[in-house]
Amino acid sequence: MSRYRNTVGAALACALALGAVQAAQAADASKEKCFGVAKAGQNDCANLAGSHSCAGQSKLDGDAGEWKLVPKGQCKPMGGLSLAEAKAKFAAKKG
């Protein structure tokens, strides 16, 4: 029973964190999602693969499916990808 409570608690915490991040994104139009620049454990939220839904759960540096919020206009100079570019790269990798 304790294991079930821990799992439910962790899922609830992730859901709340996801909501907070989405609200912060909506409020801050001076930032953009930049895919492929997050270091392992430093992503901002869910990835394109759907293997996790919380911040800080990326496993690899520079994974194209992981993203961070960066100041608008700074993604490309950092070598990052837009959402459309990241989805295309992810789809090509799967297929």
PDB file of N, CA and C in Angstrom:
ATOM      1  N   MET A   1       0.816  -1.190   0.000  1.00  0.00           N
ATOM      2  CA  MET A   1       0.000   0.000   0.000  1.00  0.00           C
ATOM      3  C   MET A   1       0.864   1.259   0.000  1.00  0.00           C
ATOM      4  N   SER A   2       1.972   1.220   0.744  1.00  0.00           N
ATOM      5  CA  SER A   2       2.867   2.366   0.817  1.00  0.00           C
ATOM      6  C   SER A   2       3.464   2.680  -0.549  1.00  0.00           C
ATOM      7  N   ARG A   3       3.821   1.645  -1.310  1.00  0.00           N
ATOM      8  CA  ARG A   3       4.392   1.851  -2.642  1.00  0.00           C
ATOM      9  C   ARG A   3       3.369   2.538  -3.544  1.00  0.00           C
ATOM     10  N   TYR A   4       2.104   2.145  -3.426  1.00  0.00           N
ATOM     11  CA  TYR A   4       1.034   2.756  -4.219  1.00  0.00           C
ATOM     12  C   TYR A   4       0.910   4.235  -3.880  1.00  0.00           C
ATOM     13  N   ARG A   5       0.936   4.572  -2.581  1.00  0.00           N
ATOM     14  CA  ARG A   5       0.830   5.974  -2.168  1.00  0.00           C
ATOM     15  C   ARG A   5       2.006   6.785  -2.695  1.00  0.00           C
ATOM     16  N   ASN A   6       3.203   6.219  -2.668  1.00  0.00           N
ATOM     17  CA  ASN A   6       4.374   6.930  -3.172  1.00  0.00           C
ATOM     18  C   ASN A   6       4.242   7.200  -4.667  1.00  0.00           C
ATOM     19  N   THR A   7       3.759   6.220  -5.414  1.00  0.00           N
ATOM     20  CA  THR A   7       3.583   6.375  -6.855  1.00  0.00           C
ATOM     21  C   THR A   7       2.525   7.430  -7.155  1.00  0.00           C
ATOM     22  N   VAL A   8       1.412   7.371  -6.452  1.00  0.00           N
ATOM     23  CA  VAL A   8       0.341   8.347  -6.653  1.00  0.00           C
ATOM     24  C   VAL A   8       0.832   9.740  -6.266  1.00  0.00           C
ATOM     25  N   GLY A   9       1.559   9.829  -5.189  1.00  0.00           N
ATOM     26  CA  GLY A   9       2.093  11.121  -4.750  1.00  0.00           C
ATOM     27  C   GLY A   9       3.061  11.710  -5.772  1.00  0.00           C
ATOM     28  N   ALA A  10       3.920  10.880  -6.320  1.00  0.00           N
ATOM     29  CA  ALA A  10       4.873  11.350  -7.329  1.00  0.00           C
ATOM     30  C   ALA A  10       4.141  11.805  -8.589  1.00  0.00           C
ATOM     31  N   ALA A  11       3.125  11.047  -9.001  1.00  0.00           N
ATOM     32  CA  ALA A  11       2.359  11.419 -10.192  1.00  0.00           C
ATOM     33  C   ALA A  11       1.633  12.746  -9.977  1.00  0.00           C
ATOM     34  N   LEU A  12       1.081  12.934  -8.805  1.00  0.00           N
ATOM     35  CA  LEU A  12       0.387  14.180  -8.490  1.00  0.00           C
ATOM     36  C   LEU A  12       1.366  15.351  -8.481  1.00  0.00           C
ATOM     37  N   ALA A  13       2.534  15.162  -7.909  1.00  0.00           N
ATOM     38  CA  ALA A  13       3.543  16.218  -7.881  1.00  0.00           C
ATOM     39  C   ALA A  13       3.959  16.614  -9.291  1.00  0.00           C
ATOM     40  N   CYS A  14       4.137  15.624 -10.169  1.00  0.00           N
ATOM     41  CA  CYS A  14       4.499  15.914 -11.560  1.00  0.00           C
ATOM     42  C   CYS A  14       3.389  16.681 -12.271  1.00  0.00           C
ATOM     43  N   ALA A  15       2.160  16.276 -12.049  1.00  0.00           N
ATOM     44  CA  ALA A  15       1.030  16.948 -12.684  1.00  0.00           C
ATOM     45  C   ALA A  15       0.936  18.405 -12.232  1.00  0.00           C
ATOM     46  N   LEU A  16       1.136  18.647 -10.953  1.00  0.00           N
ATOM     47  CA  LEU A  16       1.107  20.015 -10.441  1.00  0.00           C
ATOM     48  C   LEU A  16       2.256  20.837 -11.005  1.00  0.00           C
ATOM     49  N   ALA A  17       3.432  20.240 -11.087  1.00  0.00           N
ATOM     50  CA  ALA A  17       4.596  20.947 -11.637  1.00  0.00           C
ATOM     51  C   ALA A  17       4.370  21.276 -13.112  1.00  0.00           C
ATOM     52  N   LEU A  18       3.793  20.345 -13.844  1.00  0.00           N
ATOM     53  CA  LEU A  18       3.502  20.564 -15.258  1.00  0.00           C
ATOM     54  C   LEU A  18       2.555  21.749 -15.421  1.00  0.00           C
ATOM     55  N   GLY A  19       1.527  21.807 -14.612  1.00  0.00           N
ATOM     56  CA  GLY A  19       0.582  22.922 -14.662  1.00  0.00           C
ATOM     57  C   GLY A  19       1.251  24.248 -14.352  1.00  0.00           C
ATOM     58  N   ALA A  20       2.133  24.254 -13.375  1.00  0.00           N
ATOM     59  CA  ALA A  20       2.843  25.481 -13.005  1.00  0.00           C
ATOM     60  C   ALA A  20       3.761  25.941 -14.123  1.00  0.00           C
ATOM     61  N   VAL A  21       4.448  25.007 -14.769  1.00  0.00           N
ATOM     62  CA  VAL A  21       5.350  25.368 -15.868  1.00  0.00           C
ATOM     63  C   VAL A  21       4.553  25.911 -17.042  1.00  0.00           C
ATOM     64  N   GLN A  22       3.435  25.273 -17.353  1.00  0.00           N
ATOM     65  CA  GLN A  22       2.619  25.738 -18.473  1.00  0.00           C
ATOM     66  C   GLN A  22       2.063  27.131 -18.195  1.00  0.00           C
ATOM     67  N   ALA A  23       1.660  27.393 -16.967  1.00  0.00           N
ATOM     68  CA  ALA A  23       1.153  28.717 -16.616  1.00  0.00           C
ATOM     69  C   ALA A  23       2.266  29.751 -16.728  1.00  0.00           C
ATOM     70  N   ALA A  24       3.459  29.396 -16.284  1.00  0.00           N
ATOM     71  CA  ALA A  24       4.594  30.318 -16.364  1.00  0.00           C
ATOM     72  C   ALA A  24       4.949  30.610 -17.822  1.00  0.00           C
ATOM     73  N   GLN A  25       4.867  29.589 -18.673  1.00  0.00           N
ATOM     74  CA  GLN A  25       5.167  29.785 -20.094  1.00  0.00           C
ATOM     75  C   GLN A  25       4.181  30.758 -20.712  1.00  0.00           C
ATOM     76  N   ALA A  26       2.919  30.577 -20.413  1.00  0.00           N
ATOM     77  CA  ALA A  26       1.890  31.432 -20.984  1.00  0.00           C
ATOM     78  C   ALA A  26       2.079  32.878 -20.540  1.00  0.00           C
ATOM     79  N   ALA A  27       2.550  33.070 -19.320  1.00  0.00           N
ATOM     80  CA  ALA A  27       2.719  34.408 -18.783  1.00  0.00           C
ATOM     81  C   ALA A  27       3.983  35.085 -19.315  1.00  0.00           C
ATOM     82  N   ASP A  28       4.947  34.327 -19.803  1.00  0.00           N
ATOM     83  CA  ASP A  28       6.220  34.893 -20.227  1.00  0.00           C
ATOM     84  C   ASP A  28       6.415  34.715 -21.724  1.00  0.00           C
ATOM     85  N   ALA A  29       5.933  35.673 -22.499  1.00  0.00           N
ATOM     86  CA  ALA A  29       6.030  35.602 -23.957  1.00  0.00           C
ATOM     87  C   ALA A  29       7.427  35.962 -24.448  1.00  0.00           C
ATOM     88  N   SER A  30       8.326  36.352 -23.545  1.00  0.00           N
ATOM     89  CA  SER A  30       9.681  36.713 -23.954  1.00  0.00           C
ATOM     90  C   SER A  30      10.597  35.490 -24.022  1.00  0.00           C
ATOM     91  N   LYS A  31      10.028  34.317 -23.784  1.00  0.00           N
ATOM     92  CA  LYS A  31      10.809  33.078 -23.818  1.00  0.00           C
ATOM     93  C   LYS A  31      10.225  32.128 -24.857  1.00  0.00           C
ATOM     94  N   GLU A  32      11.039  31.162 -25.279  1.00  0.00           N
ATOM     95  CA  GLU A  32      10.593  30.158 -26.235  1.00  0.00           C
ATOM     96  C   GLU A  32      11.155  28.796 -25.843  1.00  0.00           C
ATOM     97  N   LYS A  33      10.444  27.747 -26.256  1.00  0.00           N
ATOM     98  CA  LYS A  33      10.943  26.389 -26.043  1.00  0.00           C
ATOM     99  C   LYS A  33      12.072  26.144 -27.024  1.00  0.00           C
ATOM    100  N   CYS A  34      13.173  25.626 -26.518  1.00  0.00           N
ATOM    101  CA  CYS A  34      14.327  25.321 -27.347  1.00  0.00           C
ATOM    102  C   CYS A  34      14.660  23.850 -27.149  1.00  0.00           C
ATOM    103  N   PHE A  35      14.492  23.065 -28.198  1.00  0.00           N
ATOM    104  CA  PHE A  35      14.718  21.625 -28.141  1.00  0.00           C
ATOM    105  C   PHE A  35      16.170  21.305 -28.456  1.00  0.00           C
ATOM    106  N   GLY A  36      16.696  20.279 -27.768  1.00  0.00           N
ATOM    107  CA  GLY A  36      18.022  19.789 -28.071  1.00  0.00           C
ATOM    108  C   GLY A  36      19.170  20.476 -27.353  1.00  0.00           C
ATOM    109  N   VAL A  37      18.868  21.368 -26.419  1.00  0.00           N
ATOM    110  CA  VAL A  37      19.949  22.078 -25.721  1.00  0.00           C
ATOM    111  C   VAL A  37      20.027  21.733 -24.238  1.00  0.00           C
ATOM    112  N   ALA A  38      19.058  21.005 -23.732  1.00  0.00           N
ATOM    113  CA  ALA A  38      19.033  20.679 -22.299  1.00  0.00           C
ATOM    114  C   ALA A  38      20.099  19.648 -21.951  1.00  0.00           C
ATOM    115  N   LYS A  39      20.772  19.869 -20.852  1.00  0.00           N
ATOM    116  CA  LYS A  39      21.722  18.884 -20.314  1.00  0.00           C
ATOM    117  C   LYS A  39      20.913  17.815 -19.572  1.00  0.00           C
ATOM    118  N   ALA A  40      21.507  16.658 -19.370  1.00  0.00           N
ATOM    119  CA  ALA A  40      20.840  15.576 -18.638  1.00  0.00           C
ATOM    120  C   ALA A  40      20.369  16.090 -17.282  1.00  0.00           C
ATOM    121  N   GLY A  41      19.103  15.853 -16.984  1.00  0.00           N
ATOM    122  CA  GLY A  41      18.532  16.259 -15.708  1.00  0.00           C
ATOM    123  C   GLY A  41      18.171  17.726 -15.614  1.00  0.00           C
ATOM    124  N   GLN A  42      18.273  18.471 -16.730  1.00  0.00           N
ATOM    125  CA  GLN A  42      17.995  19.904 -16.679  1.00  0.00           C
ATOM    126  C   GLN A  42      16.922  20.346 -17.673  1.00  0.00           C
ATOM    127  N   ASN A  43      16.098  19.404 -18.140  1.00  0.00           N
ATOM    128  CA  ASN A  43      15.004  19.771 -19.041  1.00  0.00           C
ATOM    129  C   ASN A  43      13.917  20.483 -18.248  1.00  0.00           C
ATOM    130  N   ASP A  44      13.063  21.230 -18.949  1.00  0.00           N
ATOM    131  CA  ASP A  44      12.022  21.989 -18.258  1.00  0.00           C
ATOM    132  C   ASP A  44      10.708  21.243 -18.097  1.00  0.00           C
ATOM    133  N   CYS A  45      10.406  20.282 -18.937  1.00  0.00           N
ATOM    134  CA  CYS A  45       9.147  19.552 -18.762  1.00  0.00           C
ATOM    135  C   CYS A  45       9.138  18.300 -19.633  1.00  0.00           C
ATOM    136  N   ALA A  46       7.949  17.835 -19.978  1.00  0.00           N
ATOM    137  CA  ALA A  46       7.779  16.579 -20.730  1.00  0.00           C
ATOM    138  C   ALA A  46       8.561  16.580 -22.040  1.00  0.00           C
ATOM    139  N   ASN A  47       8.927  15.381 -22.506  1.00  0.00           N
ATOM    140  CA  ASN A  47       9.662  15.263 -23.767  1.00  0.00           C
ATOM    141  C   ASN A  47       8.751  14.795 -24.896  1.00  0.00           C
ATOM    142  N   LEU A  48       9.257  14.838 -26.108  1.00  0.00           N
ATOM    143  CA  LEU A  48       8.463  14.429 -27.276  1.00  0.00           C
ATOM    144  C   LEU A  48       8.179  12.938 -27.292  1.00  0.00           C
ATOM    145  N   ALA A  49       9.087  12.135 -26.751  1.00  0.00           N
ATOM    146  CA  ALA A  49       8.909  10.682 -26.762  1.00  0.00           C
ATOM    147  C   ALA A  49       7.791  10.234 -25.828  1.00  0.00           C
ATOM    148  N   GLY A  50       7.438  11.059 -24.867  1.00  0.00           N
ATOM    149  CA  GLY A  50       6.408  10.690 -23.903  1.00  0.00           C
ATOM    150  C   GLY A  50       6.907   9.741 -22.833  1.00  0.00           C
ATOM    151  N   SER A  51       8.220   9.630 -22.684  1.00  0.00           N
ATOM    152  CA  SER A  51       8.768   8.708 -21.684  1.00  0.00           C
ATOM    153  C   SER A  51       8.804   9.304 -20.280  1.00  0.00           C
ATOM    154  N   HIS A  52       8.557  10.612 -20.165  1.00  0.00           N
ATOM    155  CA  HIS A  52       8.409  11.255 -18.857  1.00  0.00           C
ATOM    156  C   HIS A  52       7.607  12.534 -19.029  1.00  0.00           C
ATOM    157  N   SER A  53       7.096  13.051 -17.934  1.00  0.00           N
ATOM    158  CA  SER A  53       6.266  14.249 -18.014  1.00  0.00           C
ATOM    159  C   SER A  53       6.688  15.330 -17.036  1.00  0.00           C
ATOM    160  N   CYS A  54       7.886  15.216 -16.497  1.00  0.00           N
ATOM    161  CA  CYS A  54       8.316  16.187 -15.492  1.00  0.00           C
ATOM    162  C   CYS A  54       9.675  16.787 -15.826  1.00  0.00           C
ATOM    163  N   ALA A  55       9.919  17.934 -15.248  1.00  0.00           N
ATOM    164  CA  ALA A  55      11.219  18.596 -15.391  1.00  0.00           C
ATOM    165  C   ALA A  55      12.300  17.785 -14.700  1.00  0.00           C
ATOM    166  N   GLY A  56      13.512  17.898 -15.211  1.00  0.00           N
ATOM    167  CA  GLY A  56      14.655  17.263 -14.574  1.00  0.00           C
ATOM    168  C   GLY A  56      14.781  15.772 -14.800  1.00  0.00           C
ATOM    169  N   GLN A  57      14.045  15.218 -15.760  1.00  0.00           N
ATOM    170  CA  GLN A  57      14.089  13.775 -15.969  1.00  0.00           C
ATOM    171  C   GLN A  57      14.784  13.350 -17.258  1.00  0.00           C
ATOM    172  N   SER A  58      15.407  14.280 -17.957  1.00  0.00           N
ATOM    173  CA  SER A  58      16.121  13.898 -19.187  1.00  0.00           C
ATOM    174  C   SER A  58      17.342  13.058 -18.825  1.00  0.00           C
ATOM    175  N   LYS A  59      17.674  12.142 -19.693  1.00  0.00           N
ATOM    176  CA  LYS A  59      18.774  11.208 -19.438  1.00  0.00           C
ATOM    177  C   LYS A  59      20.047  11.555 -20.213  1.00  0.00           C
ATOM    178  N   LEU A  60      19.919  12.298 -21.324  1.00  0.00           N
ATOM    179  CA  LEU A  60      21.054  12.592 -22.194  1.00  0.00           C
ATOM    180  C   LEU A  60      21.236  14.086 -22.393  1.00  0.00           C
ATOM    181  N   ASP A  61      22.463  14.519 -22.557  1.00  0.00           N
ATOM    182  CA  ASP A  61      22.731  15.896 -22.960  1.00  0.00           C
ATOM    183  C   ASP A  61      22.332  16.064 -24.415  1.00  0.00           C
ATOM    184  N   GLY A  62      21.668  17.166 -24.742  1.00  0.00           N
ATOM    185  CA  GLY A  62      21.371  17.503 -26.127  1.00  0.00           C
ATOM    186  C   GLY A  62      20.337  16.644 -26.824  1.00  0.00           C
ATOM    187  N   ASP A  63      19.511  15.925 -26.094  1.00  0.00           N
ATOM    188  CA  ASP A  63      18.461  15.101 -26.698  1.00  0.00           C
ATOM    189  C   ASP A  63      17.461  16.020 -27.413  1.00  0.00           C
ATOM    190  N   ALA A  64      17.226  15.775 -28.702  1.00  0.00           N
ATOM    191  CA  ALA A  64      16.340  16.629 -29.501  1.00  0.00           C
ATOM    192  C   ALA A  64      14.901  16.613 -29.002  1.00  0.00           C
ATOM    193  N   GLY A  65      14.514  15.625 -28.225  1.00  0.00           N
ATOM    194  CA  GLY A  65      13.150  15.553 -27.702  1.00  0.00           C
ATOM    195  C   GLY A  65      12.959  16.300 -26.392  1.00  0.00           C
ATOM    196  N   GLU A  66      14.036  16.781 -25.802  1.00  0.00           N
ATOM    197  CA  GLU A  66      13.980  17.519 -24.532  1.00  0.00           C
ATOM    198  C   GLU A  66      14.107  19.014 -24.806  1.00  0.00           C
ATOM    199  N   TRP A  67      13.509  19.842 -23.940  1.00  0.00           N
ATOM    200  CA  TRP A  67      13.560  21.278 -24.173  1.00  0.00           C
ATOM    201  C   TRP A  67      13.789  22.058 -22.891  1.00  0.00           C
ATOM    202  N   LYS A  68      14.207  23.303 -23.092  1.00  0.00           N
ATOM    203  CA  LYS A  68      14.358  24.291 -22.026  1.00  0.00           C
ATOM    204  C   LYS A  68      13.760  25.591 -22.533  1.00  0.00           C
ATOM    205  N   LEU A  69      13.272  26.407 -21.616  1.00  0.00           N
ATOM    206  CA  LEU A  69      12.842  27.752 -21.986  1.00  0.00           C
ATOM    207  C   LEU A  69      14.074  28.642 -22.050  1.00  0.00           C
ATOM    208  N   VAL A  70      14.199  29.364 -23.147  1.00  0.00           N
ATOM    209  CA  VAL A  70      15.318  30.293 -23.324  1.00  0.00           C
ATOM    210  C   VAL A  70      14.759  31.636 -23.782  1.00  0.00           C
ATOM    211  N   PRO A  71      15.525  32.709 -23.627  1.00  0.00           N
ATOM    212  CA  PRO A  71      15.056  34.001 -24.135  1.00  0.00           C
ATOM    213  C   PRO A  71      14.790  33.922 -25.632  1.00  0.00           C
ATOM    214  N   LYS A  72      13.711  34.557 -26.081  1.00  0.00           N
ATOM    215  CA  LYS A  72      13.356  34.544 -27.505  1.00  0.00           C
ATOM    216  C   LYS A  72      14.550  34.990 -28.337  1.00  0.00           C
ATOM    217  N   GLY A  73      14.792  34.257 -29.423  1.00  0.00           N
ATOM    218  CA  GLY A  73      15.881  34.580 -30.330  1.00  0.00           C
ATOM    219  C   GLY A  73      17.214  33.943 -29.966  1.00  0.00           C
ATOM    220  N   GLN A  74      17.284  33.257 -28.820  1.00  0.00           N
ATOM    221  CA  GLN A  74      18.550  32.652 -28.403  1.00  0.00           C
ATOM    222  C   GLN A  74      18.661  31.167 -28.731  1.00  0.00           C
ATOM    223  N   CYS A  75      17.583  30.539 -29.154  1.00  0.00           N
ATOM    224  CA  CYS A  75      17.596  29.097 -29.405  1.00  0.00           C
ATOM    225  C   CYS A  75      18.525  28.729 -30.565  1.00  0.00           C
ATOM    226  N   LYS A  76      18.351  29.346 -31.708  1.00  0.00           N
ATOM    227  CA  LYS A  76      19.158  29.018 -32.892  1.00  0.00           C
ATOM    228  C   LYS A  76      20.649  29.241 -32.636  1.00  0.00           C
ATOM    229  N   PRO A  77      21.047  30.376 -32.045  1.00  0.00           N
ATOM    230  CA  PRO A  77      22.474  30.570 -31.772  1.00  0.00           C
ATOM    231  C   PRO A  77      23.065  29.516 -30.827  1.00  0.00           C
ATOM    232  N   MET A  78      22.222  28.913 -30.002  1.00  0.00           N
ATOM    233  CA  MET A  78      22.677  27.868 -29.085  1.00  0.00           C
ATOM    234  C   MET A  78      22.749  26.509 -29.773  1.00  0.00           C
ATOM    235  N   GLY A  79      22.298  26.444 -31.030  1.00  0.00           N
ATOM    236  CA  GLY A  79      22.266  25.179 -31.751  1.00  0.00           C
ATOM    237  C   GLY A  79      20.996  24.390 -31.515  1.00  0.00           C
ATOM    238  N   GLY A  80      19.960  25.053 -30.992  1.00  0.00           N
ATOM    239  CA  GLY A  80      18.702  24.391 -30.673  1.00  0.00           C
ATOM    240  C   GLY A  80      17.752  24.280 -31.845  1.00  0.00           C
ATOM    241  N   LEU A  81      16.660  23.578 -31.608  1.00  0.00           N
ATOM    242  CA  LEU A  81      15.645  23.306 -32.618  1.00  0.00           C
ATOM    243  C   LEU A  81      14.295  23.871 -32.194  1.00  0.00           C
ATOM    244  N   SER A  82      13.485  24.255 -33.177  1.00  0.00           N
ATOM    245  CA  SER A  82      12.096  24.632 -32.903  1.00  0.00           C
ATOM    246  C   SER A  82      11.299  23.354 -32.657  1.00  0.00           C
ATOM    247  N   LEU A  83      10.064  23.499 -32.230  1.00  0.00           N
ATOM    248  CA  LEU A  83       9.206  22.338 -32.018  1.00  0.00           C
ATOM    249  C   LEU A  83       9.046  21.541 -33.314  1.00  0.00           C
ATOM    250  N   ALA A  84       8.792  22.231 -34.421  1.00  0.00           N
ATOM    251  CA  ALA A  84       8.603  21.540 -35.709  1.00  0.00           C
ATOM    252  C   ALA A  84       9.866  20.786 -36.117  1.00  0.00           C
ATOM    253  N   GLU A  85      11.034  21.406 -35.940  1.00  0.00           N
ATOM    254  CA  GLU A  85      12.295  20.741 -36.290  1.00  0.00           C
ATOM    255  C   GLU A  85      12.547  19.529 -35.396  1.00  0.00           C
ATOM    256  N   ALA A  86      12.253  19.680 -34.112  1.00  0.00           N
ATOM    257  CA  ALA A  86      12.458  18.575 -33.172  1.00  0.00           C
ATOM    258  C   ALA A  86      11.524  17.410 -33.495  1.00  0.00           C
ATOM    259  N   LYS A  87      10.264  17.720 -33.839  1.00  0.00           N
ATOM    260  CA  LYS A  87       9.320  16.658 -34.208  1.00  0.00           C
ATOM    261  C   LYS A  87       9.781  15.935 -35.466  1.00  0.00           C
ATOM    262  N   ALA A  88      10.278  16.675 -36.447  1.00  0.00           N
ATOM    263  CA  ALA A  88      10.751  16.061 -37.684  1.00  0.00           C
ATOM    264  C   ALA A  88      11.955  15.160 -37.404  1.00  0.00           C
ATOM    265  N   LYS A  89      12.873  15.620 -36.585  1.00  0.00           N
ATOM    266  CA  LYS A  89      14.053  14.828 -36.247  1.00  0.00           C
ATOM    267  C   LYS A  89      13.643  13.572 -35.473  1.00  0.00           C
ATOM    268  N   PHE A  90      12.694  13.738 -34.550  1.00  0.00           N
ATOM    269  CA  PHE A  90      12.200  12.617 -33.754  1.00  0.00           C
ATOM    270  C   PHE A  90      11.514  11.581 -34.657  1.00  0.00           C
ATOM    271  N   ALA A  91      10.691  12.048 -35.601  1.00  0.00           N
ATOM    272  CA  ALA A  91       9.976  11.157 -36.531  1.00  0.00           C
ATOM    273  C   ALA A  91      10.971  10.403 -37.428  1.00  0.00           C
ATOM    274  N   ALA A  92      11.994  11.101 -37.908  1.00  0.00           N
ATOM    275  CA  ALA A  92      12.997  10.467 -38.773  1.00  0.00           C
ATOM    276  C   ALA A  92      13.774   9.404 -38.002  1.00  0.00           C
ATOM    277  N   LYS A  93      14.030   9.653 -36.749  1.00  0.00           N
ATOM    278  CA  LYS A  93      14.755   8.712 -35.905  1.00  0.00           C
ATOM    279  C   LYS A  93      13.938   7.433 -35.665  1.00  0.00           C
ATOM    280  N   LYS A  94      12.598   7.609 -35.490  1.00  0.00           N
ATOM    281  CA  LYS A  94      11.707   6.467 -35.252  1.00  0.00           C
ATOM    282  C   LYS A  94      11.535   5.630 -36.516  1.00  0.00           C
ATOM    283  N   GLY A  95      11.446   6.303 -37.651  1.00  0.00           N
ATOM    284  CA  GLY A  95      11.128   5.614 -38.900  1.00  0.00           C
ATOM    285  C   GLY A  95      12.334   5.161 -39.596  1.00  0.00           C
TER     286      GLY A  95
END
